[in-house]
Amino acid sequence: MGTSTGYDAPTTPQWGDLKSDITRLARDGKPTSEQSREIIRKYINSNGGSRNISQGKGIVSSNSAQRTASKLSRFLSDVKQYGFEEAVHRLHINSYKGMDVLEFTLTLTDFLSESATSLDDADSRNALSRLMEELFDDATNVEELNSMLEQKIDEFEIEGILMKFFSYYLYEQFCRVFYERLVTRVGDIKAESFLSGIFEYITSEVQLMNSEESLTLTDWGSADLNGICSDILHRTLTIYGG
C-alpha cells in the first residue's frame, strides 16, 4: 500500500479533529463516497490548502511529487513530439528491446523518480508505480508500449495523466500519514477497508474530471515545467474541495 511506519501526523488542533474523525469512521469499515469526500477535503485543508501545498508550503511536503511530475511531463511531451523510442533514448535508457513489460516499467519508474531518501520520495515513487500500472496494464509485451502510451496521451492529454499521478500521490500520502494509526486503533481489516473506500473516491473523482472537463492545453515547450506542474497539482487538489 506504500505506507511507512513510525510516522507521526501533525498535532495542530485541526489535525487532531481530522484524526478523530478518521478513527471514528474507520471503526465502521469502508466509508461512503460522501464521507470520503469530507475526509479528503479536511485533509487537504489541514495540510494548508491546495494553493499552499502546490507552492511547497504544505505541512506535509509535496516537493518530491512535483519534481517527479516535472520529469514525467517532459518524458510525455517528448513522446508526443518525437515518438516513444526517442523519448526513451532522451532519458538515457540505452535499450528497452528485450525487456518484459514489468522490467521496463520498473526501469522507467527508476529514471523518473526521486532517489528514495525521504518519506515523500517513497510516496511519489509509489504513486508513479500505480500510474505505470494503469498506463501499461493491457500491454502483453514491451513492443506494445509505444502505441499504448501514445493512445493514453491522446485520450487524457498530458495534463490528465499528471492529474492521475497527483491523485495517486494524494492517496499514498494519506496512507502514510494515517495507516499506522488506523491499524493501532481499529485493526488491519478495518484499516484496509477504510483506505479502500478513500482510494475509490480519490480515483473516481479524477476520472470524472478527465471525462467531463476540457483541460487547458499547455505549451510543453515552456521552460517552466515546475510552474506548470505546480498549477496542475493545485487544480487536482481543488477537485477534492481543498
C-alpha atoms as a PDB file:
ATOM      1  CA  MET A   1       0.000   0.000   0.000  1.00  0.00           C
ATOM      2  CA  GLY A   2       3.010   2.263   0.058  1.00  0.00           C
ATOM      3  CA  THR A   3       2.769   3.051   3.762  1.00  0.00           C
ATOM      4  CA  SER A   4       5.619   3.819   6.115  1.00  0.00           C
ATOM      5  CA  THR A   5       5.888   3.002   9.789  1.00  0.00           C
ATOM      6  CA  GLY A   6       6.969   5.290  12.575  1.00  0.00           C
ATOM      7  CA  TYR A   7       5.393   8.441  11.104  1.00  0.00           C
ATOM      8  CA  ASP A   8       3.709  10.885  13.492  1.00  0.00           C
ATOM      9  CA  ALA A   9       0.986  13.020  11.932  1.00  0.00           C
ATOM     10  CA  PRO A  10       0.994  16.742  12.765  1.00  0.00           C
ATOM     11  CA  THR A  11      -0.509  17.706  16.123  1.00  0.00           C
ATOM     12  CA  THR A  12      -2.297  21.023  15.481  1.00  0.00           C
ATOM     13  CA  PRO A  13      -5.952  21.239  16.641  1.00  0.00           C
ATOM     14  CA  GLN A  14      -7.167  20.955  13.029  1.00  0.00           C
ATOM     15  CA  TRP A  15      -5.165  17.751  12.550  1.00  0.00           C
ATOM     16  CA  GLY A  16      -6.408  16.469  15.905  1.00  0.00           C
ATOM     17  CA  ASP A  17     -10.031  16.844  14.795  1.00  0.00           C
ATOM     18  CA  LEU A  18      -9.241  15.129  11.494  1.00  0.00           C
ATOM     19  CA  LYS A  19      -7.548  12.180  13.192  1.00  0.00           C
ATOM     20  CA  SER A  20     -10.542  11.749  15.498  1.00  0.00           C
ATOM     21  CA  ASP A  21     -12.952  11.823  12.536  1.00  0.00           C
ATOM     22  CA  ILE A  22     -10.918   9.246  10.638  1.00  0.00           C
ATOM     23  CA  THR A  23     -10.667   6.874  13.594  1.00  0.00           C
ATOM     24  CA  ARG A  24     -14.414   7.143  14.262  1.00  0.00           C
ATOM     25  CA  LEU A  25     -15.355   6.442  10.644  1.00  0.00           C
ATOM     26  CA  ALA A  26     -12.830   3.625  10.277  1.00  0.00           C
ATOM     27  CA  ARG A  27     -14.477   1.692  13.102  1.00  0.00           C
ATOM     28  CA  ASP A  28     -17.368   1.110  10.678  1.00  0.00           C
ATOM     29  CA  GLY A  29     -15.025  -0.082   7.920  1.00  0.00           C
ATOM     30  CA  LYS A  30     -15.430   1.242   4.403  1.00  0.00           C
ATOM     31  CA  PRO A  31     -16.609   4.879   4.223  1.00  0.00           C
ATOM     32  CA  THR A  32     -19.273   6.146   1.855  1.00  0.00           C
ATOM     33  CA  SER A  33     -18.323   8.417  -1.019  1.00  0.00           C
ATOM     34  CA  GLU A  34     -19.727  11.402   0.893  1.00  0.00           C
ATOM     35  CA  GLN A  35     -17.697  10.533   3.990  1.00  0.00           C
ATOM     36  CA  SER A  36     -14.558  10.072   1.902  1.00  0.00           C
ATOM     37  CA  ARG A  37     -15.128  13.424   0.203  1.00  0.00           C
ATOM     38  CA  GLU A  38     -15.371  15.214   3.550  1.00  0.00           C
ATOM     39  CA  ILE A  39     -12.294  13.441   4.967  1.00  0.00           C
ATOM     40  CA  ILE A  40     -10.125  14.282   1.952  1.00  0.00           C
ATOM     41  CA  ARG A  41     -11.371  17.877   1.918  1.00  0.00           C
ATOM     42  CA  LYS A  42     -10.421  18.227   5.592  1.00  0.00           C
ATOM     43  CA  TYR A  43      -7.089  16.516   4.959  1.00  0.00           C
ATOM     44  CA  ILE A  44      -6.101  18.945   2.207  1.00  0.00           C
ATOM     45  CA  ASN A  45      -7.199  21.963   4.237  1.00  0.00           C
ATOM     46  CA  SER A  46      -5.420  20.706   7.372  1.00  0.00           C
ATOM     47  CA  ASN A  47      -2.291  20.410   5.259  1.00  0.00           C
ATOM     48  CA  GLY A  48      -2.506  24.090   4.288  1.00  0.00           C
ATOM     49  CA  GLY A  49      -4.967  24.054   1.382  1.00  0.00           C
ATOM     50  CA  SER A  50      -4.427  23.394  -2.298  1.00  0.00           C
ATOM     51  CA  ARG A  51      -2.652  26.670  -3.035  1.00  0.00           C
ATOM     52  CA  ASN A  52      -0.086  26.358  -0.235  1.00  0.00           C
ATOM     53  CA  ILE A  53       0.504  22.665  -0.948  1.00  0.00           C
ATOM     54  CA  SER A  54       1.117  23.335  -4.646  1.00  0.00           C
ATOM     55  CA  GLN A  55       3.605  26.062  -3.697  1.00  0.00           C
ATOM     56  CA  GLY A  56       5.567  23.699  -1.454  1.00  0.00           C
ATOM     57  CA  LYS A  57       4.209  25.282   1.745  1.00  0.00           C
ATOM     58  CA  GLY A  58       2.072  22.398   2.966  1.00  0.00           C
ATOM     59  CA  ILE A  59       2.613  20.981   6.438  1.00  0.00           C
ATOM     60  CA  VAL A  60       3.300  17.601   4.803  1.00  0.00           C
ATOM     61  CA  SER A  61       5.691  18.131   1.887  1.00  0.00           C
ATOM     62  CA  SER A  62       4.710  17.578  -1.758  1.00  0.00           C
ATOM     63  CA  ASN A  63       8.056  18.659  -3.234  1.00  0.00           C
ATOM     64  CA  SER A  64       9.164  15.213  -4.382  1.00  0.00           C
ATOM     65  CA  ALA A  65       5.895  14.642  -6.245  1.00  0.00           C
ATOM     66  CA  GLN A  66       6.270  17.924  -8.086  1.00  0.00           C
ATOM     67  CA  ARG A  67       9.838  17.105  -9.127  1.00  0.00           C
ATOM     68  CA  THR A  68       8.711  13.684 -10.356  1.00  0.00           C
ATOM     69  CA  ALA A  69       5.800  15.271 -12.220  1.00  0.00           C
ATOM     70  CA  SER A  70       8.222  17.618 -13.982  1.00  0.00           C
ATOM     71  CA  LYS A  71      10.313  14.665 -15.180  1.00  0.00           C
ATOM     72  CA  LEU A  72       7.188  12.766 -16.197  1.00  0.00           C
ATOM     73  CA  SER A  73       5.755  15.730 -18.098  1.00  0.00           C
ATOM     74  CA  ARG A  74       8.998  16.174 -20.042  1.00  0.00           C
ATOM     75  CA  PHE A  75       9.003  12.483 -20.967  1.00  0.00           C
ATOM     76  CA  LEU A  76       5.360  12.552 -22.076  1.00  0.00           C
ATOM     77  CA  SER A  77       5.984  15.729 -24.054  1.00  0.00           C
ATOM     78  CA  ASP A  78       8.916  14.051 -25.800  1.00  0.00           C
ATOM     79  CA  VAL A  79       6.730  11.030 -26.613  1.00  0.00           C
ATOM     80  CA  LYS A  80       4.139  13.345 -28.159  1.00  0.00           C
ATOM     81  CA  GLN A  81       6.689  15.403 -30.094  1.00  0.00           C
ATOM     82  CA  TYR A  82       9.392  12.894 -31.051  1.00  0.00           C
ATOM     83  CA  GLY A  83       7.895   9.455 -30.521  1.00  0.00           C
ATOM     84  CA  PHE A  84       8.293   6.809 -27.856  1.00  0.00           C
ATOM     85  CA  GLU A  85      11.701   5.439 -28.846  1.00  0.00           C
ATOM     86  CA  GLU A  86      13.350   8.869 -28.966  1.00  0.00           C
ATOM     87  CA  ALA A  87      11.731   9.866 -25.663  1.00  0.00           C
ATOM     88  CA  VAL A  88      13.143   6.749 -24.000  1.00  0.00           C
ATOM     89  CA  HIS A  89      16.549   7.485 -25.527  1.00  0.00           C
ATOM     90  CA  ARG A  90      16.441  11.035 -24.121  1.00  0.00           C
ATOM     91  CA  LEU A  91      16.033   9.521 -20.652  1.00  0.00           C
ATOM     92  CA  HIS A  92      19.330   7.708 -21.292  1.00  0.00           C
ATOM     93  CA  ILE A  93      17.704   4.296 -21.124  1.00  0.00           C
ATOM     94  CA  ASN A  94      20.083   2.647 -23.543  1.00  0.00           C
ATOM     95  CA  SER A  95      17.746  -0.064 -24.758  1.00  0.00           C
ATOM     96  CA  TYR A  96      14.353  -1.383 -23.803  1.00  0.00           C
ATOM     97  CA  LYS A  97      14.288  -4.033 -26.514  1.00  0.00           C
ATOM     98  CA  GLY A  98      14.134  -7.481 -24.980  1.00  0.00           C
ATOM     99  CA  MET A  99      12.700  -6.255 -21.674  1.00  0.00           C
ATOM    100  CA  ASP A 100       9.358  -7.558 -20.485  1.00  0.00           C
ATOM    101  CA  VAL A 101       6.664  -5.054 -19.514  1.00  0.00           C
ATOM    102  CA  LEU A 102       7.342  -5.249 -15.777  1.00  0.00           C
ATOM    103  CA  GLU A 103      11.091  -4.787 -16.225  1.00  0.00           C
ATOM    104  CA  PHE A 104      10.564  -1.764 -18.457  1.00  0.00           C
ATOM    105  CA  THR A 105       8.023  -0.080 -16.165  1.00  0.00           C
ATOM    106  CA  LEU A 106      10.356  -0.561 -13.186  1.00  0.00           C
ATOM    107  CA  THR A 107      13.226   0.908 -15.204  1.00  0.00           C
ATOM    108  CA  LEU A 108      11.112   3.861 -16.329  1.00  0.00           C
ATOM    109  CA  THR A 109       9.955   4.449 -12.750  1.00  0.00           C
ATOM    110  CA  ASP A 110      13.595   4.492 -11.613  1.00  0.00           C
ATOM    111  CA  PHE A 111      14.529   7.126 -14.191  1.00  0.00           C
ATOM    112  CA  LEU A 112      11.541   9.366 -13.440  1.00  0.00           C
ATOM    113  CA  SER A 113      11.501   9.053  -9.644  1.00  0.00           C
ATOM    114  CA  GLU A 114      13.478  10.809  -6.974  1.00  0.00           C
ATOM    115  CA  SER A 115      16.006   8.730  -5.043  1.00  0.00           C
ATOM    116  CA  ALA A 116      14.083   7.187  -2.151  1.00  0.00           C
ATOM    117  CA  THR A 117      15.786   9.164   0.615  1.00  0.00           C
ATOM    118  CA  SER A 118      12.647  10.518   2.313  1.00  0.00           C
ATOM    119  CA  LEU A 119       9.066   9.502   3.065  1.00  0.00           C
ATOM    120  CA  ASP A 120       7.895  11.998   0.450  1.00  0.00           C
ATOM    121  CA  ASP A 121      10.142  10.319  -2.136  1.00  0.00           C
ATOM    122  CA  ALA A 122       8.578   6.962  -1.283  1.00  0.00           C
ATOM    123  CA  ASP A 123       5.041   8.363  -1.648  1.00  0.00           C
ATOM    124  CA  SER A 124       5.930   9.846  -5.031  1.00  0.00           C
ATOM    125  CA  ARG A 125       7.527   6.636  -6.283  1.00  0.00           C
ATOM    126  CA  ASN A 126       4.567   4.528  -5.148  1.00  0.00           C
ATOM    127  CA  ALA A 127       2.200   6.929  -6.914  1.00  0.00           C
ATOM    128  CA  LEU A 128       4.244   6.711 -10.112  1.00  0.00           C
ATOM    129  CA  SER A 129       4.221   2.908  -9.903  1.00  0.00           C
ATOM    130  CA  ARG A 130       0.428   2.949  -9.685  1.00  0.00           C
ATOM    131  CA  LEU A 131       0.266   5.260 -12.694  1.00  0.00           C
ATOM    132  CA  MET A 132       2.556   2.983 -14.720  1.00  0.00           C
ATOM    133  CA  GLU A 133       0.343   0.014 -13.904  1.00  0.00           C
ATOM    134  CA  GLU A 134      -2.670   1.927 -15.184  1.00  0.00           C
ATOM    135  CA  LEU A 135      -0.989   3.173 -18.355  1.00  0.00           C
ATOM    136  CA  PHE A 136       0.533  -0.155 -19.338  1.00  0.00           C
ATOM    137  CA  ASP A 137      -1.870  -2.629 -17.724  1.00  0.00           C
ATOM    138  CA  ASP A 138      -3.069  -4.081 -21.030  1.00  0.00           C
ATOM    139  CA  ALA A 139       0.365  -4.491 -22.638  1.00  0.00           C
ATOM    140  CA  THR A 140       1.484  -8.075 -23.205  1.00  0.00           C
ATOM    141  CA  ASN A 141       4.975  -7.166 -24.408  1.00  0.00           C
ATOM    142  CA  VAL A 142       7.253  -4.153 -24.486  1.00  0.00           C
ATOM    143  CA  GLU A 143       6.684  -3.582 -28.184  1.00  0.00           C
ATOM    144  CA  GLU A 144       3.067  -2.612 -27.445  1.00  0.00           C
ATOM    145  CA  LEU A 145       4.058   0.157 -25.056  1.00  0.00           C
ATOM    146  CA  ASN A 146       4.714   2.637 -27.859  1.00  0.00           C
ATOM    147  CA  SER A 147       1.202   2.724 -29.326  1.00  0.00           C
ATOM    148  CA  MET A 148      -0.379   2.253 -25.908  1.00  0.00           C
ATOM    149  CA  LEU A 149       1.246   5.312 -24.350  1.00  0.00           C
ATOM    150  CA  GLU A 150       0.559   7.476 -27.396  1.00  0.00           C
ATOM    151  CA  GLN A 151      -3.082   6.391 -27.188  1.00  0.00           C
ATOM    152  CA  LYS A 152      -3.253   7.344 -23.500  1.00  0.00           C
ATOM    153  CA  ILE A 153      -1.751  10.763 -24.247  1.00  0.00           C
ATOM    154  CA  ASP A 154      -4.323  11.320 -26.989  1.00  0.00           C
ATOM    155  CA  GLU A 155      -7.116  10.200 -24.655  1.00  0.00           C
ATOM    156  CA  PHE A 156      -6.218  12.117 -21.494  1.00  0.00           C
ATOM    157  CA  GLU A 157      -3.684  14.723 -22.653  1.00  0.00           C
ATOM    158  CA  ILE A 158      -0.539  15.200 -20.601  1.00  0.00           C
ATOM    159  CA  GLU A 159      -2.426  17.298 -18.046  1.00  0.00           C
ATOM    160  CA  GLY A 160      -4.884  14.480 -17.446  1.00  0.00           C
ATOM    161  CA  ILE A 161      -2.110  11.937 -16.901  1.00  0.00           C
ATOM    162  CA  LEU A 162      -0.399  14.271 -14.428  1.00  0.00           C
ATOM    163  CA  MET A 163      -3.689  14.695 -12.592  1.00  0.00           C
ATOM    164  CA  LYS A 164      -3.894  10.917 -12.298  1.00  0.00           C
ATOM    165  CA  PHE A 165      -0.367  10.869 -10.879  1.00  0.00           C
ATOM    166  CA  PHE A 166      -1.171  13.560  -8.333  1.00  0.00           C
ATOM    167  CA  SER A 167      -4.377  11.771  -7.306  1.00  0.00           C
ATOM    168  CA  TYR A 168      -2.378   8.585  -6.643  1.00  0.00           C
ATOM    169  CA  TYR A 169       0.148  10.672  -4.739  1.00  0.00           C
ATOM    170  CA  LEU A 170      -2.604  12.172  -2.586  1.00  0.00           C
ATOM    171  CA  TYR A 171      -3.716   8.654  -1.689  1.00  0.00           C
ATOM    172  CA  GLU A 172      -0.187   7.424  -0.941  1.00  0.00           C
ATOM    173  CA  GLN A 173       0.489  10.414   1.298  1.00  0.00           C
ATOM    174  CA  PHE A 174      -2.826   9.970   3.111  1.00  0.00           C
ATOM    175  CA  CYS A 175      -1.998   6.301   3.743  1.00  0.00           C
ATOM    176  CA  ARG A 176       1.453   7.140   5.042  1.00  0.00           C
ATOM    177  CA  VAL A 177       0.078   9.722   7.462  1.00  0.00           C
ATOM    178  CA  PHE A 178      -2.778   7.594   8.839  1.00  0.00           C
ATOM    179  CA  TYR A 179      -2.215   3.885   8.138  1.00  0.00           C
ATOM    180  CA  GLU A 180      -0.232   3.020  11.253  1.00  0.00           C
ATOM    181  CA  ARG A 181      -2.622   4.986  13.447  1.00  0.00           C
ATOM    182  CA  LEU A 182      -5.605   3.183  11.915  1.00  0.00           C
ATOM    183  CA  VAL A 183      -4.089  -0.266  12.374  1.00  0.00           C
ATOM    184  CA  THR A 184      -3.339   0.524  16.013  1.00  0.00           C
ATOM    185  CA  ARG A 185      -6.865   1.754  16.735  1.00  0.00           C
ATOM    186  CA  VAL A 186      -9.177  -0.349  14.544  1.00  0.00           C
ATOM    187  CA  GLY A 187      -7.042  -3.272  13.316  1.00  0.00           C
ATOM    188  CA  ASP A 188      -5.729  -4.348   9.919  1.00  0.00           C
ATOM    189  CA  ILE A 189      -9.014  -5.402   8.326  1.00  0.00           C
ATOM    190  CA  LYS A 190     -10.957  -2.230   9.084  1.00  0.00           C
ATOM    191  CA  ALA A 191      -7.950  -0.051   8.256  1.00  0.00           C
ATOM    192  CA  GLU A 192      -7.632  -1.698   4.822  1.00  0.00           C
ATOM    193  CA  SER A 193     -11.386  -1.424   4.241  1.00  0.00           C
ATOM    194  CA  PHE A 194     -11.420   2.249   5.189  1.00  0.00           C
ATOM    195  CA  LEU A 195      -8.482   3.070   2.927  1.00  0.00           C
ATOM    196  CA  SER A 196     -10.013   1.133   0.025  1.00  0.00           C
ATOM    197  CA  GLY A 197     -13.014   3.487   0.218  1.00  0.00           C
ATOM    198  CA  ILE A 198     -10.706   6.510   0.232  1.00  0.00           C
ATOM    199  CA  PHE A 199      -8.861   5.115  -2.810  1.00  0.00           C
ATOM    200  CA  GLU A 200     -12.084   4.505  -4.734  1.00  0.00           C
ATOM    201  CA  TYR A 201     -13.273   8.042  -4.045  1.00  0.00           C
ATOM    202  CA  ILE A 202      -9.981   9.714  -4.996  1.00  0.00           C
ATOM    203  CA  THR A 203      -9.580   7.806  -8.260  1.00  0.00           C
ATOM    204  CA  SER A 204     -13.235   8.118  -9.288  1.00  0.00           C
ATOM    205  CA  GLU A 205     -13.201  11.898  -8.819  1.00  0.00           C
ATOM    206  CA  VAL A 206     -10.146  12.436 -11.008  1.00  0.00           C
ATOM    207  CA  GLN A 207     -11.562  10.077 -13.667  1.00  0.00           C
ATOM    208  CA  LEU A 208     -14.755  12.154 -13.670  1.00  0.00           C
ATOM    209  CA  MET A 209     -12.724  15.328 -14.042  1.00  0.00           C
ATOM    210  CA  ASN A 210     -10.837  13.887 -17.013  1.00  0.00           C
ATOM    211  CA  SER A 211     -14.004  12.708 -18.740  1.00  0.00           C
ATOM    212  CA  GLU A 212     -16.173  15.791 -18.219  1.00  0.00           C
ATOM    213  CA  GLU A 213     -13.829  18.776 -18.152  1.00  0.00           C
ATOM    214  CA  SER A 214     -11.872  20.280 -21.012  1.00  0.00           C
ATOM    215  CA  LEU A 215      -8.302  20.578 -19.810  1.00  0.00           C
ATOM    216  CA  THR A 216      -6.320  23.682 -20.635  1.00  0.00           C
ATOM    217  CA  LEU A 217      -3.749  22.705 -23.225  1.00  0.00           C
ATOM    218  CA  THR A 218      -0.250  23.598 -22.119  1.00  0.00           C
ATOM    219  CA  ASP A 219       2.696  24.711 -24.185  1.00  0.00           C
ATOM    220  CA  TRP A 220       5.029  21.916 -23.123  1.00  0.00           C
ATOM    221  CA  GLY A 221       7.864  23.671 -24.902  1.00  0.00           C
ATOM    222  CA  SER A 222       7.840  26.111 -21.993  1.00  0.00           C
ATOM    223  CA  ALA A 223      10.939  26.022 -19.824  1.00  0.00           C
ATOM    224  CA  ASP A 224       8.908  26.425 -16.606  1.00  0.00           C
ATOM    225  CA  LEU A 225       7.749  22.848 -16.193  1.00  0.00           C
ATOM    226  CA  ASN A 226       7.951  23.230 -12.418  1.00  0.00           C
ATOM    227  CA  GLY A 227       5.441  26.064 -12.545  1.00  0.00           C
ATOM    228  CA  ILE A 228       3.159  24.127 -14.867  1.00  0.00           C
ATOM    229  CA  CYS A 229       3.227  21.063 -12.606  1.00  0.00           C
ATOM    230  CA  SER A 230       2.563  23.210  -9.548  1.00  0.00           C
ATOM    231  CA  ASP A 231      -0.520  24.603 -11.286  1.00  0.00           C
ATOM    232  CA  ILE A 232      -1.728  21.100 -12.222  1.00  0.00           C
ATOM    233  CA  LEU A 233      -1.245  19.913  -8.630  1.00  0.00           C
ATOM    234  CA  HIS A 234      -3.308  22.892  -7.458  1.00  0.00           C
ATOM    235  CA  ARG A 235      -6.073  22.102  -9.950  1.00  0.00           C
ATOM    236  CA  THR A 236      -6.029  18.443  -8.927  1.00  0.00           C
ATOM    237  CA  LEU A 237      -6.403  19.220  -5.224  1.00  0.00           C
ATOM    238  CA  THR A 238      -9.276  21.615  -5.893  1.00  0.00           C
ATOM    239  CA  ILE A 239     -11.212  18.678  -7.375  1.00  0.00           C
ATOM    240  CA  TYR A 240     -11.449  17.388  -3.804  1.00  0.00           C
ATOM    241  CA  GLY A 241     -12.530  20.685  -2.310  1.00  0.00           C
ATOM    242  CA  GLY A 242      -9.132  21.665  -0.926  1.00  0.00           C
END
